[in-house]
């Protein structure tokens, strides 16, 4: 879903992300499915940025970001749940199209 199709405009340093529901379920080393409802310590989550406010400097729409799921607010738009974050709550950015001669490290 593109930013233009969302019925809101982000303000200040806010970032709206779409968390992959399938990524929240995990499999153990033995192949046992661990549901998303199981709490296993503090685990960070990946999500895709769908909208960003005008004061956001390090994140662009389409980037994958790493954040703490305990520091979030959820909002429902068009029957889909998104997560609202401040830019400072994002721990890392993994941009797929970044080929500017960086270090070559991937998150």
C-alpha atoms as a PDB file:
ATOM      1  CA  UNK A   1       0.000   0.000   0.000  1.00  0.00           C
ATOM      2  CA  UNK A   2       1.505   3.343  -0.980  1.00  0.00           C
ATOM      3  CA  UNK A   3       1.578   6.411   1.236  1.00  0.00           C
ATOM      4  CA  UNK A   4      -0.842   8.220  -1.068  1.00  0.00           C
ATOM      5  CA  UNK A   5      -3.546   5.609  -0.502  1.00  0.00           C
ATOM      6  CA  UNK A   6      -3.474   6.007   3.300  1.00  0.00           C
ATOM      7  CA  UNK A   7      -6.143   8.340   4.724  1.00  0.00           C
ATOM      8  CA  UNK A   8      -3.640  10.126   6.999  1.00  0.00           C
ATOM      9  CA  UNK A   9      -0.569  12.355   6.733  1.00  0.00           C
ATOM     10  CA  UNK A  10       2.185  11.728   9.255  1.00  0.00           C
ATOM     11  CA  UNK A  11       3.428  14.676  11.329  1.00  0.00           C
ATOM     12  CA  UNK A  12       6.758  15.596  12.926  1.00  0.00           C
ATOM     13  CA  UNK A  13       9.025  12.569  13.622  1.00  0.00           C
ATOM     14  CA  UNK A  14       6.333   9.890  13.414  1.00  0.00           C
ATOM     15  CA  UNK A  15       6.731   6.734  11.337  1.00  0.00           C
ATOM     16  CA  UNK A  16       3.904   4.366  10.372  1.00  0.00           C
ATOM     17  CA  UNK A  17       4.996   0.762   9.820  1.00  0.00           C
ATOM     18  CA  UNK A  18       3.335  -2.436   8.663  1.00  0.00           C
ATOM     19  CA  UNK A  19       4.407  -5.455  10.725  1.00  0.00           C
ATOM     20  CA  UNK A  20       4.534  -8.749   8.841  1.00  0.00           C
ATOM     21  CA  UNK A  21       2.122 -11.013  10.743  1.00  0.00           C
ATOM     22  CA  UNK A  22       3.806 -14.164   9.430  1.00  0.00           C
ATOM     23  CA  UNK A  23       7.180 -12.989  10.779  1.00  0.00           C
ATOM     24  CA  UNK A  24       5.856 -12.980  14.339  1.00  0.00           C
ATOM     25  CA  UNK A  25       5.457 -16.769  14.350  1.00  0.00           C
ATOM     26  CA  UNK A  26       8.705 -18.690  14.733  1.00  0.00           C
ATOM     27  CA  UNK A  27       9.885 -22.275  14.473  1.00  0.00           C
ATOM     28  CA  UNK A  28      12.163 -23.922  16.986  1.00  0.00           C
ATOM     29  CA  UNK A  29      15.288 -25.804  15.937  1.00  0.00           C
ATOM     30  CA  UNK A  30      13.235 -29.017  16.029  1.00  0.00           C
ATOM     31  CA  UNK A  31      10.533 -27.588  13.734  1.00  0.00           C
ATOM     32  CA  UNK A  32       7.904 -26.831  16.417  1.00  0.00           C
ATOM     33  CA  UNK A  33       5.764 -23.783  15.571  1.00  0.00           C
ATOM     34  CA  UNK A  34       5.954 -21.100  18.299  1.00  0.00           C
ATOM     35  CA  UNK A  35       2.914 -18.761  18.070  1.00  0.00           C
ATOM     36  CA  UNK A  36       3.259 -14.980  18.233  1.00  0.00           C
ATOM     37  CA  UNK A  37       1.409 -14.901  21.565  1.00  0.00           C
ATOM     38  CA  UNK A  38       4.256 -16.674  23.391  1.00  0.00           C
ATOM     39  CA  UNK A  39       6.492 -14.237  25.255  1.00  0.00           C
ATOM     40  CA  UNK A  40      10.158 -15.209  24.965  1.00  0.00           C
ATOM     41  CA  UNK A  41      12.195 -12.438  26.538  1.00  0.00           C
ATOM     42  CA  UNK A  42      12.683  -9.138  24.791  1.00  0.00           C
ATOM     43  CA  UNK A  43      12.708  -9.676  21.028  1.00  0.00           C
ATOM     44  CA  UNK A  44      12.846  -6.881  18.469  1.00  0.00           C
ATOM     45  CA  UNK A  45      10.601  -6.942  15.387  1.00  0.00           C
ATOM     46  CA  UNK A  46      11.007  -6.020  11.716  1.00  0.00           C
ATOM     47  CA  UNK A  47       8.431  -3.952   9.823  1.00  0.00           C
ATOM     48  CA  UNK A  48       8.078  -2.040   6.557  1.00  0.00           C
ATOM     49  CA  UNK A  49       7.716   1.759   6.603  1.00  0.00           C
ATOM     50  CA  UNK A  50       4.506   2.845   4.850  1.00  0.00           C
ATOM     51  CA  UNK A  51       4.523   6.555   5.813  1.00  0.00           C
ATOM     52  CA  UNK A  52       6.893   9.017   7.482  1.00  0.00           C
ATOM     53  CA  UNK A  53       6.509  12.542   8.839  1.00  0.00           C
ATOM     54  CA  UNK A  54       8.348  15.562   7.397  1.00  0.00           C
ATOM     55  CA  UNK A  55      10.950  15.658  10.213  1.00  0.00           C
ATOM     56  CA  UNK A  56      12.047  12.032   9.769  1.00  0.00           C
ATOM     57  CA  UNK A  57      15.625  12.050   8.458  1.00  0.00           C
ATOM     58  CA  UNK A  58      16.999   8.477   8.565  1.00  0.00           C
ATOM     59  CA  UNK A  59      14.025   6.460   7.286  1.00  0.00           C
ATOM     60  CA  UNK A  60      12.223   6.422   3.937  1.00  0.00           C
ATOM     61  CA  UNK A  61       8.973   4.840   2.798  1.00  0.00           C
ATOM     62  CA  UNK A  62       9.665   1.230   1.798  1.00  0.00           C
ATOM     63  CA  UNK A  63      12.568   0.679   4.231  1.00  0.00           C
ATOM     64  CA  UNK A  64      12.571  -2.273   6.637  1.00  0.00           C
ATOM     65  CA  UNK A  65      13.117  -1.127  10.215  1.00  0.00           C
ATOM     66  CA  UNK A  66      13.909  -2.869  13.492  1.00  0.00           C
ATOM     67  CA  UNK A  67      11.977  -1.735  16.580  1.00  0.00           C
ATOM     68  CA  UNK A  68      10.976  -2.840  20.078  1.00  0.00           C
ATOM     69  CA  UNK A  69       7.361  -4.097  19.956  1.00  0.00           C
ATOM     70  CA  UNK A  70       6.820  -3.007  23.575  1.00  0.00           C
ATOM     71  CA  UNK A  71       7.331   0.673  22.627  1.00  0.00           C
ATOM     72  CA  UNK A  72       4.529   1.117  20.125  1.00  0.00           C
ATOM     73  CA  UNK A  73       0.996   2.308  19.491  1.00  0.00           C
ATOM     74  CA  UNK A  74      -1.321   0.525  17.057  1.00  0.00           C
ATOM     75  CA  UNK A  75      -3.772   2.145  14.669  1.00  0.00           C
ATOM     76  CA  UNK A  76      -6.281   0.526  12.298  1.00  0.00           C
ATOM     77  CA  UNK A  77      -6.697   1.940   8.782  1.00  0.00           C
ATOM     78  CA  UNK A  78      -8.766   0.287   6.051  1.00  0.00           C
ATOM     79  CA  UNK A  79      -9.268  -2.801   8.289  1.00  0.00           C
ATOM     80  CA  UNK A  80      -5.500  -3.266   8.609  1.00  0.00           C
ATOM     81  CA  UNK A  81      -3.439  -2.736  11.746  1.00  0.00           C
ATOM     82  CA  UNK A  82      -0.333  -0.533  11.578  1.00  0.00           C
ATOM     83  CA  UNK A  83       2.191   0.471  14.240  1.00  0.00           C
ATOM     84  CA  UNK A  84       2.949   4.125  14.990  1.00  0.00           C
ATOM     85  CA  UNK A  85       6.504   4.893  16.149  1.00  0.00           C
ATOM     86  CA  UNK A  86       8.744   7.882  16.767  1.00  0.00           C
ATOM     87  CA  UNK A  87      11.905   7.920  14.680  1.00  0.00           C
ATOM     88  CA  UNK A  88      13.992   7.608  17.860  1.00  0.00           C
ATOM     89  CA  UNK A  89      12.247   4.274  18.672  1.00  0.00           C
ATOM     90  CA  UNK A  90      13.723   2.691  15.518  1.00  0.00           C
ATOM     91  CA  UNK A  91      16.920   0.756  16.221  1.00  0.00           C
ATOM     92  CA  UNK A  92      18.088  -0.087  12.674  1.00  0.00           C
ATOM     93  CA  UNK A  93      17.206   0.369   9.003  1.00  0.00           C
ATOM     94  CA  UNK A  94      17.776  -2.272   6.324  1.00  0.00           C
ATOM     95  CA  UNK A  95      17.354  -0.576   2.963  1.00  0.00           C
ATOM     96  CA  UNK A  96      17.259  -3.096   0.091  1.00  0.00           C
ATOM     97  CA  UNK A  97      18.203  -0.619  -2.632  1.00  0.00           C
ATOM     98  CA  UNK A  98      21.210   0.856  -0.827  1.00  0.00           C
ATOM     99  CA  UNK A  99      24.208   0.365  -3.120  1.00  0.00           C
ATOM    100  CA  UNK A 100      26.318   3.472  -2.426  1.00  0.00           C
ATOM    101  CA  UNK A 101      29.512   1.543  -1.723  1.00  0.00           C
ATOM    102  CA  UNK A 102      28.796   0.918   1.954  1.00  0.00           C
ATOM    103  CA  UNK A 103      30.303  -1.746   4.148  1.00  0.00           C
ATOM    104  CA  UNK A 104      28.341  -4.626   2.629  1.00  0.00           C
ATOM    105  CA  UNK A 105      26.890  -5.639   5.997  1.00  0.00           C
ATOM    106  CA  UNK A 106      23.276  -6.786   6.119  1.00  0.00           C
ATOM    107  CA  UNK A 107      20.866  -6.794   9.035  1.00  0.00           C
END
